[in-house]
């Protein structure tokens, strides 16, 4: 967890905002990026694997109509296209809590998101989306907290990373250390920042960048669904909406990928345009050790004329 692998260069701790802002700086230099894409298709590639070390699969994912069923829990991949993704959300979850509680937590978060699918599809503007996601994270958090209380568990929860398409833009919401990347021809940039104690101490000046990267605190999550034990209200972190362009690829993944593959490896594999890109990335994580469950969604923006 933390920025210990896919953003392995220690300077990335400080370059996070610059990397994200550079996307918008490029827009000011390229007038073509100002025009919002209102008609496009989406190539969706999803893959999940239990990995080589863990005894159970605590990850989950959600795509409209597709999520982690019991009969393909340990190894699954698929690729398909969506003609009009406006109003759709795509998410991954990484449960934690020991025994089967992490698996249950990610399942609760996924099933709760399904309940909000229609509301998200009918959202009229960004403010409405924010309100829906806020209601979702609160309900999912409270359900997980109640589950843990019933099981007399002191800890547990799940990460959450979601991409939502509206008005020619991609909106980002997340909690924990599951990540969202944007891959362009020029390279790959992480659009999220891990909610870890290491990053918190780095921001407070307690750690240097080198100390933060070497610290076990990068495994200690500070925010996730289930972290609000008092149930006062949990809001997902979000970032500036990303204008979409034909050819851009978004990657949503659990740390089973980001801890096993560097950003250069991810970019190199995606630039080769494999058919099932998520499965290729997951296999690379397995090749590099597969120390954790791994789940990945790749979303490529296509023009209306492009085919699968």
C-alpha atoms as a PDB file:
ATOM      1  CA  UNK A   1       0.000   0.000   0.000  1.00  0.00           C
ATOM      2  CA  UNK A   2       1.104   3.630  -0.401  1.00  0.00           C
ATOM      3  CA  UNK A   3       3.388   4.930  -3.102  1.00  0.00           C
ATOM      4  CA  UNK A   4       5.908   2.139  -2.741  1.00  0.00           C
ATOM      5  CA  UNK A   5       5.723   0.509  -6.151  1.00  0.00           C
ATOM      6  CA  UNK A   6       3.754   1.905  -9.056  1.00  0.00           C
ATOM      7  CA  UNK A   7       4.921   5.389  -8.088  1.00  0.00           C
ATOM      8  CA  UNK A   8       8.250   4.114  -6.872  1.00  0.00           C
ATOM      9  CA  UNK A   9      10.172   7.333  -7.483  1.00  0.00           C
ATOM     10  CA  UNK A  10      10.172   9.065  -4.099  1.00  0.00           C
ATOM     11  CA  UNK A  11       9.608  12.432  -5.763  1.00  0.00           C
ATOM     12  CA  UNK A  12       6.123  11.274  -6.711  1.00  0.00           C
ATOM     13  CA  UNK A  13       5.030  12.005  -3.141  1.00  0.00           C
ATOM     14  CA  UNK A  14       5.479  15.695  -3.906  1.00  0.00           C
ATOM     15  CA  UNK A  15       4.658  15.585  -7.615  1.00  0.00           C
ATOM     16  CA  UNK A  16       1.111  14.237  -7.175  1.00  0.00           C
ATOM     17  CA  UNK A  17      -0.676  17.560  -7.584  1.00  0.00           C
ATOM     18  CA  UNK A  18       1.669  18.659 -10.340  1.00  0.00           C
ATOM     19  CA  UNK A  19       1.027  15.455 -12.275  1.00  0.00           C
ATOM     20  CA  UNK A  20      -2.747  15.870 -12.046  1.00  0.00           C
ATOM     21  CA  UNK A  21      -2.640  19.586 -12.782  1.00  0.00           C
ATOM     22  CA  UNK A  22      -0.492  18.949 -15.842  1.00  0.00           C
ATOM     23  CA  UNK A  23      -3.505  17.315 -17.467  1.00  0.00           C
ATOM     24  CA  UNK A  24      -5.307  20.652 -17.276  1.00  0.00           C
ATOM     25  CA  UNK A  25      -2.214  22.663 -18.177  1.00  0.00           C
ATOM     26  CA  UNK A  26      -2.050  20.659 -21.401  1.00  0.00           C
ATOM     27  CA  UNK A  27      -5.651  21.612 -22.093  1.00  0.00           C
ATOM     28  CA  UNK A  28      -4.842  25.307 -22.100  1.00  0.00           C
ATOM     29  CA  UNK A  29      -2.196  24.656 -24.730  1.00  0.00           C
ATOM     30  CA  UNK A  30      -4.444  22.551 -26.906  1.00  0.00           C
ATOM     31  CA  UNK A  31      -7.754  24.141 -27.856  1.00  0.00           C
ATOM     32  CA  UNK A  32      -9.101  20.816 -29.105  1.00  0.00           C
ATOM     33  CA  UNK A  33      -9.227  19.588 -25.494  1.00  0.00           C
ATOM     34  CA  UNK A  34     -11.657  22.330 -24.535  1.00  0.00           C
ATOM     35  CA  UNK A  35     -14.467  20.759 -26.540  1.00  0.00           C
ATOM     36  CA  UNK A  36     -16.393  18.200 -24.534  1.00  0.00           C
ATOM     37  CA  UNK A  37     -16.989  14.832 -26.171  1.00  0.00           C
ATOM     38  CA  UNK A  38     -20.718  14.217 -26.170  1.00  0.00           C
ATOM     39  CA  UNK A  39     -20.782  11.081 -28.330  1.00  0.00           C
ATOM     40  CA  UNK A  40     -18.417   8.202 -27.661  1.00  0.00           C
ATOM     41  CA  UNK A  41     -18.151   4.530 -26.888  1.00  0.00           C
ATOM     42  CA  UNK A  42     -16.306   2.753 -24.113  1.00  0.00           C
ATOM     43  CA  UNK A  43     -14.210  -0.398 -24.311  1.00  0.00           C
ATOM     44  CA  UNK A  44     -14.396  -2.099 -20.927  1.00  0.00           C
ATOM     45  CA  UNK A  45     -11.831  -4.661 -19.830  1.00  0.00           C
ATOM     46  CA  UNK A  46     -12.055  -6.229 -16.374  1.00  0.00           C
ATOM     47  CA  UNK A  47     -10.025  -8.903 -14.631  1.00  0.00           C
ATOM     48  CA  UNK A  48      -9.635 -10.268 -11.114  1.00  0.00           C
ATOM     49  CA  UNK A  49      -7.523 -13.010  -9.535  1.00  0.00           C
ATOM     50  CA  UNK A  50      -7.049 -14.338  -6.023  1.00  0.00           C
ATOM     51  CA  UNK A  51      -3.262 -14.133  -6.419  1.00  0.00           C
ATOM     52  CA  UNK A  52      -0.587 -16.592  -5.358  1.00  0.00           C
ATOM     53  CA  UNK A  53      -0.485 -16.035  -1.590  1.00  0.00           C
ATOM     54  CA  UNK A  54      -3.899 -15.212  -0.138  1.00  0.00           C
ATOM     55  CA  UNK A  55      -6.315 -17.983   0.836  1.00  0.00           C
ATOM     56  CA  UNK A  56      -9.465 -15.999   0.061  1.00  0.00           C
ATOM     57  CA  UNK A  57     -10.453 -13.257  -2.365  1.00  0.00           C
ATOM     58  CA  UNK A  58     -11.364 -10.000  -0.586  1.00  0.00           C
ATOM     59  CA  UNK A  59     -11.547  -7.827  -3.718  1.00  0.00           C
ATOM     60  CA  UNK A  60     -14.708  -6.967  -5.594  1.00  0.00           C
ATOM     61  CA  UNK A  61     -15.684  -4.814  -8.558  1.00  0.00           C
ATOM     62  CA  UNK A  62     -18.775  -3.256 -10.042  1.00  0.00           C
ATOM     63  CA  UNK A  63     -19.696  -2.581 -13.639  1.00  0.00           C
ATOM     64  CA  UNK A  64     -23.268  -2.225 -14.792  1.00  0.00           C
ATOM     65  CA  UNK A  65     -24.649  -5.767 -14.675  1.00  0.00           C
ATOM     66  CA  UNK A  66     -21.293  -7.359 -13.850  1.00  0.00           C
ATOM     67  CA  UNK A  67     -19.777  -7.915 -10.413  1.00  0.00           C
ATOM     68  CA  UNK A  68     -17.899 -10.609  -8.543  1.00  0.00           C
ATOM     69  CA  UNK A  69     -20.097 -13.710  -8.405  1.00  0.00           C
ATOM     70  CA  UNK A  70     -19.152 -16.721  -6.290  1.00  0.00           C
ATOM     71  CA  UNK A  71     -18.816 -19.017  -9.303  1.00  0.00           C
ATOM     72  CA  UNK A  72     -15.978 -17.021 -10.841  1.00  0.00           C
ATOM     73  CA  UNK A  73     -14.585 -15.447  -7.668  1.00  0.00           C
ATOM     74  CA  UNK A  74     -10.970 -16.562  -7.916  1.00  0.00           C
ATOM     75  CA  UNK A  75     -10.250 -15.878 -11.594  1.00  0.00           C
ATOM     76  CA  UNK A  76     -12.333 -13.904 -14.078  1.00  0.00           C
ATOM     77  CA  UNK A  77     -11.811 -11.608 -17.059  1.00  0.00           C
ATOM     78  CA  UNK A  78     -13.983 -10.084 -19.789  1.00  0.00           C
ATOM     79  CA  UNK A  79     -13.879  -7.381 -22.455  1.00  0.00           C
ATOM     80  CA  UNK A  80     -16.849  -5.679 -24.102  1.00  0.00           C
ATOM     81  CA  UNK A  81     -18.052  -2.302 -25.411  1.00  0.00           C
ATOM     82  CA  UNK A  82     -20.697   0.136 -24.205  1.00  0.00           C
ATOM     83  CA  UNK A  83     -22.325   2.458 -26.729  1.00  0.00           C
ATOM     84  CA  UNK A  84     -23.284   5.276 -24.371  1.00  0.00           C
ATOM     85  CA  UNK A  85     -21.583   5.243 -20.967  1.00  0.00           C
ATOM     86  CA  UNK A  86     -23.024   8.573 -19.806  1.00  0.00           C
ATOM     87  CA  UNK A  87     -24.279   8.232 -16.232  1.00  0.00           C
ATOM     88  CA  UNK A  88     -22.479   4.923 -15.645  1.00  0.00           C
ATOM     89  CA  UNK A  89     -20.073   4.134 -12.823  1.00  0.00           C
ATOM     90  CA  UNK A  90     -17.227   1.627 -12.593  1.00  0.00           C
ATOM     91  CA  UNK A  91     -15.610   0.700  -9.282  1.00  0.00           C
ATOM     92  CA  UNK A  92     -13.246  -1.621  -7.435  1.00  0.00           C
ATOM     93  CA  UNK A  93     -13.132  -2.569  -3.758  1.00  0.00           C
ATOM     94  CA  UNK A  94     -10.408  -4.166  -1.623  1.00  0.00           C
ATOM     95  CA  UNK A  95     -11.723  -5.607   1.629  1.00  0.00           C
ATOM     96  CA  UNK A  96      -9.753  -5.926   4.819  1.00  0.00           C
ATOM     97  CA  UNK A  97     -10.475  -7.239   8.291  1.00  0.00           C
ATOM     98  CA  UNK A  98      -9.216 -10.789   8.487  1.00  0.00           C
ATOM     99  CA  UNK A  99     -11.058 -14.102   8.211  1.00  0.00           C
ATOM    100  CA  UNK A 100     -13.988 -13.614   5.825  1.00  0.00           C
ATOM    101  CA  UNK A 101     -14.811 -10.107   7.040  1.00  0.00           C
ATOM    102  CA  UNK A 102     -12.895  -8.324   4.284  1.00  0.00           C
ATOM    103  CA  UNK A 103     -14.709 -10.369   1.689  1.00  0.00           C
ATOM    104  CA  UNK A 104     -18.041  -9.523   3.297  1.00  0.00           C
ATOM    105  CA  UNK A 105     -17.154  -5.821   3.553  1.00  0.00           C
ATOM    106  CA  UNK A 106     -16.295  -5.499  -0.144  1.00  0.00           C
ATOM    107  CA  UNK A 107     -19.471  -7.432  -1.003  1.00  0.00           C
ATOM    108  CA  UNK A 108     -21.569  -5.041   1.092  1.00  0.00           C
ATOM    109  CA  UNK A 109     -19.969  -2.010  -0.569  1.00  0.00           C
ATOM    110  CA  UNK A 110     -20.566  -3.453  -4.031  1.00  0.00           C
ATOM    111  CA  UNK A 111     -24.182  -4.432  -3.360  1.00  0.00           C
ATOM    112  CA  UNK A 112     -24.897  -1.024  -1.825  1.00  0.00           C
ATOM    113  CA  UNK A 113     -23.532   0.676  -4.942  1.00  0.00           C
ATOM    114  CA  UNK A 114     -25.945  -1.399  -7.033  1.00  0.00           C
ATOM    115  CA  UNK A 115     -28.806   0.210  -5.093  1.00  0.00           C
ATOM    116  CA  UNK A 116     -27.642   3.652  -6.257  1.00  0.00           C
ATOM    117  CA  UNK A 117     -27.213   2.701  -9.909  1.00  0.00           C
ATOM    118  CA  UNK A 118     -30.484   4.242 -11.113  1.00  0.00           C
ATOM    119  CA  UNK A 119     -29.901   7.449  -9.140  1.00  0.00           C
ATOM    120  CA  UNK A 120     -26.459   7.812 -10.699  1.00  0.00           C
ATOM    121  CA  UNK A 121     -27.767   7.167 -14.199  1.00  0.00           C
ATOM    122  CA  UNK A 122     -30.373   9.905 -13.756  1.00  0.00           C
ATOM    123  CA  UNK A 123     -28.102  12.477 -12.074  1.00  0.00           C
ATOM    124  CA  UNK A 124     -28.461  15.845 -13.813  1.00  0.00           C
ATOM    125  CA  UNK A 125     -25.232  17.557 -12.771  1.00  0.00           C
ATOM    126  CA  UNK A 126     -22.011  17.221 -10.810  1.00  0.00           C
ATOM    127  CA  UNK A 127     -23.562  18.455  -7.582  1.00  0.00           C
ATOM    128  CA  UNK A 128     -26.223  15.758  -7.779  1.00  0.00           C
ATOM    129  CA  UNK A 129     -23.538  13.124  -8.335  1.00  0.00           C
ATOM    130  CA  UNK A 130     -21.621  14.361  -5.287  1.00  0.00           C
ATOM    131  CA  UNK A 131     -24.757  14.081  -3.159  1.00  0.00           C
ATOM    132  CA  UNK A 132     -25.525  10.573  -4.396  1.00  0.00           C
ATOM    133  CA  UNK A 133     -21.976   9.361  -3.759  1.00  0.00           C
ATOM    134  CA  UNK A 134     -22.073  10.939  -0.295  1.00  0.00           C
ATOM    135  CA  UNK A 135     -25.306   9.080   0.488  1.00  0.00           C
ATOM    136  CA  UNK A 136     -23.778   5.879  -0.875  1.00  0.00           C
ATOM    137  CA  UNK A 137     -20.568   6.027   1.173  1.00  0.00           C
ATOM    138  CA  UNK A 138     -22.526   6.806   4.340  1.00  0.00           C
ATOM    139  CA  UNK A 139     -24.924   3.884   3.837  1.00  0.00           C
ATOM    140  CA  UNK A 140     -22.170   1.433   2.858  1.00  0.00           C
ATOM    141  CA  UNK A 141     -20.000   2.514   5.802  1.00  0.00           C
ATOM    142  CA  UNK A 142     -22.842   2.111   8.291  1.00  0.00           C
ATOM    143  CA  UNK A 143     -23.781  -1.320   6.936  1.00  0.00           C
ATOM    144  CA  UNK A 144     -20.183  -2.524   7.256  1.00  0.00           C
ATOM    145  CA  UNK A 145     -19.834  -1.103  10.777  1.00  0.00           C
ATOM    146  CA  UNK A 146     -23.024  -2.884  11.840  1.00  0.00           C
ATOM    147  CA  UNK A 147     -21.810  -6.151  10.278  1.00  0.00           C
ATOM    148  CA  UNK A 148     -18.539  -5.926  12.206  1.00  0.00           C
ATOM    149  CA  UNK A 149     -20.354  -5.182  15.448  1.00  0.00           C
ATOM    150  CA  UNK A 150     -22.537  -8.252  14.983  1.00  0.00           C
ATOM    151  CA  UNK A 151     -19.425 -10.349  14.415  1.00  0.00           C
ATOM    152  CA  UNK A 152     -17.654  -8.683  17.347  1.00  0.00           C
ATOM    153  CA  UNK A 153     -14.768  -7.610  15.122  1.00  0.00           C
ATOM    154  CA  UNK A 154     -12.779  -4.526  16.076  1.00  0.00           C
ATOM    155  CA  UNK A 155     -11.544  -3.740  12.580  1.00  0.00           C
ATOM    156  CA  UNK A 156     -12.509  -4.163   8.973  1.00  0.00           C
ATOM    157  CA  UNK A 157     -13.737  -2.341   5.918  1.00  0.00           C
ATOM    158  CA  UNK A 158     -12.986  -1.881   2.248  1.00  0.00           C
ATOM    159  CA  UNK A 159     -11.292   0.539  -0.077  1.00  0.00           C
ATOM    160  CA  UNK A 160     -13.339   2.181  -2.821  1.00  0.00           C
ATOM    161  CA  UNK A 161     -12.322   3.701  -6.155  1.00  0.00           C
ATOM    162  CA  UNK A 162     -14.970   4.771  -8.669  1.00  0.00           C
ATOM    163  CA  UNK A 163     -15.036   6.463 -12.058  1.00  0.00           C
ATOM    164  CA  UNK A 164     -18.273   8.077 -13.241  1.00  0.00           C
ATOM    165  CA  UNK A 165     -18.983   9.531 -16.681  1.00  0.00           C
ATOM    166  CA  UNK A 166     -21.063  12.680 -17.121  1.00  0.00           C
ATOM    167  CA  UNK A 167     -21.097  15.466 -19.724  1.00  0.00           C
ATOM    168  CA  UNK A 168     -17.916  14.455 -21.508  1.00  0.00           C
ATOM    169  CA  UNK A 169     -15.995  14.215 -18.249  1.00  0.00           C
ATOM    170  CA  UNK A 170     -14.850  11.489 -15.874  1.00  0.00           C
ATOM    171  CA  UNK A 171     -15.488  12.072 -12.192  1.00  0.00           C
ATOM    172  CA  UNK A 172     -13.277  10.404  -9.573  1.00  0.00           C
ATOM    173  CA  UNK A 173     -14.227   9.242  -6.077  1.00  0.00           C
ATOM    174  CA  UNK A 174     -12.113   7.130  -3.734  1.00  0.00           C
ATOM    175  CA  UNK A 175     -11.289   6.020  -0.198  1.00  0.00           C
ATOM    176  CA  UNK A 176      -8.211   4.022   0.788  1.00  0.00           C
ATOM    177  CA  UNK A 177      -5.394   2.939  -1.491  1.00  0.00           C
ATOM    178  CA  UNK A 178      -7.163   1.520  -4.525  1.00  0.00           C
ATOM    179  CA  UNK A 179      -6.162   3.757  -7.403  1.00  0.00           C
ATOM    180  CA  UNK A 180      -7.313   5.385 -10.617  1.00  0.00           C
ATOM    181  CA  UNK A 181      -4.815   6.131 -13.380  1.00  0.00           C
ATOM    182  CA  UNK A 182      -5.051   7.989 -16.665  1.00  0.00           C
ATOM    183  CA  UNK A 183      -2.961   6.587 -19.515  1.00  0.00           C
ATOM    184  CA  UNK A 184      -2.160   8.796 -22.500  1.00  0.00           C
ATOM    185  CA  UNK A 185       0.397   8.536 -25.275  1.00  0.00           C
ATOM    186  CA  UNK A 186       2.784  10.654 -23.217  1.00  0.00           C
ATOM    187  CA  UNK A 187       2.617   8.361 -20.193  1.00  0.00           C
ATOM    188  CA  UNK A 188       0.553   7.420 -17.158  1.00  0.00           C
ATOM    189  CA  UNK A 189      -0.482   9.521 -14.166  1.00  0.00           C
ATOM    190  CA  UNK A 190      -2.101   8.472 -10.902  1.00  0.00           C
ATOM    191  CA  UNK A 191      -5.246  10.550 -10.322  1.00  0.00           C
ATOM    192  CA  UNK A 192      -5.732   9.473  -6.703  1.00  0.00           C
ATOM    193  CA  UNK A 193      -3.581   9.760  -3.594  1.00  0.00           C
ATOM    194  CA  UNK A 194      -3.511   6.893  -1.110  1.00  0.00           C
ATOM    195  CA  UNK A 195      -5.209   7.547   2.224  1.00  0.00           C
ATOM    196  CA  UNK A 196      -2.371   6.172   4.337  1.00  0.00           C
ATOM    197  CA  UNK A 197      -0.672   7.146   7.578  1.00  0.00           C
ATOM    198  CA  UNK A 198       2.609   7.461   5.669  1.00  0.00           C
ATOM    199  CA  UNK A 199       1.172  10.159   3.404  1.00  0.00           C
ATOM    200  CA  UNK A 200      -0.475  11.859   6.381  1.00  0.00           C
ATOM    201  CA  UNK A 201       2.865  12.044   8.220  1.00  0.00           C
ATOM    202  CA  UNK A 202       4.596  13.185   5.054  1.00  0.00           C
ATOM    203  CA  UNK A 203       2.129  16.058   4.692  1.00  0.00           C
ATOM    204  CA  UNK A 204       2.643  17.001   8.355  1.00  0.00           C
ATOM    205  CA  UNK A 205       6.415  17.111   7.899  1.00  0.00           C
ATOM    206  CA  UNK A 206       7.003  14.188  10.269  1.00  0.00           C
ATOM    207  CA  UNK A 207       8.473  12.008   7.517  1.00  0.00           C
ATOM    208  CA  UNK A 208      10.807  12.868   4.728  1.00  0.00           C
ATOM    209  CA  UNK A 209       9.867  11.405   1.369  1.00  0.00           C
ATOM    210  CA  UNK A 210      12.427   8.616   1.826  1.00  0.00           C
ATOM    211  CA  UNK A 211      11.177   7.803   5.338  1.00  0.00           C
ATOM    212  CA  UNK A 212       7.564   7.722   4.171  1.00  0.00           C
ATOM    213  CA  UNK A 213       8.365   5.311   1.372  1.00  0.00           C
ATOM    214  CA  UNK A 214      10.296   2.964   3.684  1.00  0.00           C
ATOM    215  CA  UNK A 215       7.812   3.148   6.555  1.00  0.00           C
ATOM    216  CA  UNK A 216       5.319   0.366   7.356  1.00  0.00           C
ATOM    217  CA  UNK A 217       2.807   3.202   7.707  1.00  0.00           C
ATOM    218  CA  UNK A 218       2.139   2.998   3.980  1.00  0.00           C
ATOM    219  CA  UNK A 219       0.150  -0.152   4.836  1.00  0.00           C
ATOM    220  CA  UNK A 220      -1.913   1.712   7.442  1.00  0.00           C
ATOM    221  CA  UNK A 221      -5.070   3.152   5.870  1.00  0.00           C
ATOM    222  CA  UNK A 222      -6.545   6.304   7.390  1.00  0.00           C
ATOM    223  CA  UNK A 223      -9.776   6.381   5.361  1.00  0.00           C
ATOM    224  CA  UNK A 224     -11.885   3.592   3.867  1.00  0.00           C
ATOM    225  CA  UNK A 225     -15.498   2.462   3.846  1.00  0.00           C
ATOM    226  CA  UNK A 226     -15.979   1.233   7.397  1.00  0.00           C
ATOM    227  CA  UNK A 227     -13.486   3.653   8.984  1.00  0.00           C
ATOM    228  CA  UNK A 228     -16.288   5.874  10.334  1.00  0.00           C
ATOM    229  CA  UNK A 229     -17.024   3.710  13.382  1.00  0.00           C
ATOM    230  CA  UNK A 230     -19.165   6.437  14.998  1.00  0.00           C
ATOM    231  CA  UNK A 231     -21.326   6.657  11.865  1.00  0.00           C
ATOM    232  CA  UNK A 232     -21.268  10.458  11.768  1.00  0.00           C
ATOM    233  CA  UNK A 233     -20.999  10.540   7.974  1.00  0.00           C
ATOM    234  CA  UNK A 234     -18.258   9.431   5.593  1.00  0.00           C
ATOM    235  CA  UNK A 235     -17.525  11.269   2.340  1.00  0.00           C
ATOM    236  CA  UNK A 236     -15.362   9.917  -0.443  1.00  0.00           C
ATOM    237  CA  UNK A 237     -12.405  11.976  -1.580  1.00  0.00           C
ATOM    238  CA  UNK A 238     -12.721  13.375  -5.097  1.00  0.00           C
ATOM    239  CA  UNK A 239     -10.641  15.155  -7.686  1.00  0.00           C
ATOM    240  CA  UNK A 240     -11.227  17.700 -10.405  1.00  0.00           C
ATOM    241  CA  UNK A 241     -13.291  16.162 -13.254  1.00  0.00           C
ATOM    242  CA  UNK A 242     -11.105  14.881 -16.097  1.00  0.00           C
ATOM    243  CA  UNK A 243     -12.177  15.887 -19.645  1.00  0.00           C
ATOM    244  CA  UNK A 244     -12.173  12.755 -21.770  1.00  0.00           C
ATOM    245  CA  UNK A 245     -10.536  12.375 -25.174  1.00  0.00           C
ATOM    246  CA  UNK A 246     -10.698   9.609 -27.735  1.00  0.00           C
ATOM    247  CA  UNK A 247      -7.890   7.134 -27.067  1.00  0.00           C
ATOM    248  CA  UNK A 248      -7.526   7.904 -23.369  1.00  0.00           C
ATOM    249  CA  UNK A 249      -7.495   4.939 -21.039  1.00  0.00           C
ATOM    250  CA  UNK A 250      -8.489   4.929 -17.383  1.00  0.00           C
ATOM    251  CA  UNK A 251      -7.295   2.187 -15.041  1.00  0.00           C
ATOM    252  CA  UNK A 252      -9.107   1.437 -11.774  1.00  0.00           C
ATOM    253  CA  UNK A 253      -7.277  -1.097  -9.611  1.00  0.00           C
ATOM    254  CA  UNK A 254      -6.683  -2.490  -6.168  1.00  0.00           C
ATOM    255  CA  UNK A 255      -3.209  -2.383  -4.642  1.00  0.00           C
ATOM    256  CA  UNK A 256      -2.667  -5.977  -5.749  1.00  0.00           C
ATOM    257  CA  UNK A 257      -1.775  -4.410  -9.099  1.00  0.00           C
ATOM    258  CA  UNK A 258      -0.136  -1.149  -8.010  1.00  0.00           C
ATOM    259  CA  UNK A 259       2.127  -2.906  -5.479  1.00  0.00           C
ATOM    260  CA  UNK A 260       3.239  -5.503  -8.033  1.00  0.00           C
ATOM    261  CA  UNK A 261       3.622  -3.380 -11.192  1.00  0.00           C
ATOM    262  CA  UNK A 262       5.375  -0.072 -11.686  1.00  0.00           C
ATOM    263  CA  UNK A 263       3.769   2.794 -13.555  1.00  0.00           C
ATOM    264  CA  UNK A 264       6.250   2.193 -16.382  1.00  0.00           C
ATOM    265  CA  UNK A 265       5.192  -1.453 -16.656  1.00  0.00           C
ATOM    266  CA  UNK A 266       1.516  -0.501 -16.721  1.00  0.00           C
ATOM    267  CA  UNK A 267       2.085   2.135 -19.402  1.00  0.00           C
ATOM    268  CA  UNK A 268       4.237  -0.208 -21.494  1.00  0.00           C
ATOM    269  CA  UNK A 269       1.601  -2.945 -21.490  1.00  0.00           C
ATOM    270  CA  UNK A 270      -1.288  -0.587 -22.231  1.00  0.00           C
ATOM    271  CA  UNK A 271       0.565   1.079 -25.105  1.00  0.00           C
ATOM    272  CA  UNK A 272       0.656  -2.274 -26.917  1.00  0.00           C
ATOM    273  CA  UNK A 273      -3.169  -2.360 -27.260  1.00  0.00           C
ATOM    274  CA  UNK A 274      -3.800  -5.912 -26.156  1.00  0.00           C
ATOM    275  CA  UNK A 275      -7.363  -7.190 -26.538  1.00  0.00           C
ATOM    276  CA  UNK A 276      -8.086  -7.928 -22.864  1.00  0.00           C
ATOM    277  CA  UNK A 277      -5.823  -5.332 -21.274  1.00  0.00           C
ATOM    278  CA  UNK A 278      -7.042  -5.834 -17.716  1.00  0.00           C
ATOM    279  CA  UNK A 279      -6.184  -9.549 -17.899  1.00  0.00           C
ATOM    280  CA  UNK A 280      -2.719  -8.670 -19.251  1.00  0.00           C
ATOM    281  CA  UNK A 281      -2.108  -6.321 -16.316  1.00  0.00           C
ATOM    282  CA  UNK A 282      -3.361  -8.853 -13.777  1.00  0.00           C
ATOM    283  CA  UNK A 283      -1.138 -11.534 -15.289  1.00  0.00           C
ATOM    284  CA  UNK A 284       1.847  -9.201 -14.986  1.00  0.00           C
ATOM    285  CA  UNK A 285       1.044  -8.722 -11.291  1.00  0.00           C
ATOM    286  CA  UNK A 286       0.977 -12.502 -10.913  1.00  0.00           C
ATOM    287  CA  UNK A 287       4.259 -12.827 -12.816  1.00  0.00           C
ATOM    288  CA  UNK A 288       5.805 -10.308 -10.415  1.00  0.00           C
ATOM    289  CA  UNK A 289       4.803 -12.312  -7.344  1.00  0.00           C
ATOM    290  CA  UNK A 290       1.019 -12.081  -6.984  1.00  0.00           C
ATOM    291  CA  UNK A 291       1.362 -11.285  -3.280  1.00  0.00           C
ATOM    292  CA  UNK A 292      -2.225 -10.057  -2.971  1.00  0.00           C
ATOM    293  CA  UNK A 293      -5.642 -10.357  -4.561  1.00  0.00           C
ATOM    294  CA  UNK A 294      -5.617  -8.246  -7.714  1.00  0.00           C
ATOM    295  CA  UNK A 295      -8.477  -6.560  -9.547  1.00  0.00           C
ATOM    296  CA  UNK A 296      -8.293  -4.182 -12.490  1.00  0.00           C
ATOM    297  CA  UNK A 297     -10.670  -2.362 -14.831  1.00  0.00           C
ATOM    298  CA  UNK A 298      -9.408  -0.660 -18.000  1.00  0.00           C
ATOM    299  CA  UNK A 299     -11.732   1.830 -19.710  1.00  0.00           C
ATOM    300  CA  UNK A 300     -10.756   3.106 -23.163  1.00  0.00           C
ATOM    301  CA  UNK A 301     -12.564   6.035 -24.794  1.00  0.00           C
ATOM    302  CA  UNK A 302     -13.539   5.157 -28.387  1.00  0.00           C
ATOM    303  CA  UNK A 303     -15.061   7.233 -31.144  1.00  0.00           C
ATOM    304  CA  UNK A 304     -18.428   6.122 -32.482  1.00  0.00           C
ATOM    305  CA  UNK A 305     -16.722   4.675 -35.557  1.00  0.00           C
ATOM    306  CA  UNK A 306     -14.298   2.427 -33.681  1.00  0.00           C
ATOM    307  CA  UNK A 307     -15.121  -1.232 -33.149  1.00  0.00           C
ATOM    308  CA  UNK A 308     -14.001  -3.777 -30.571  1.00  0.00           C
END
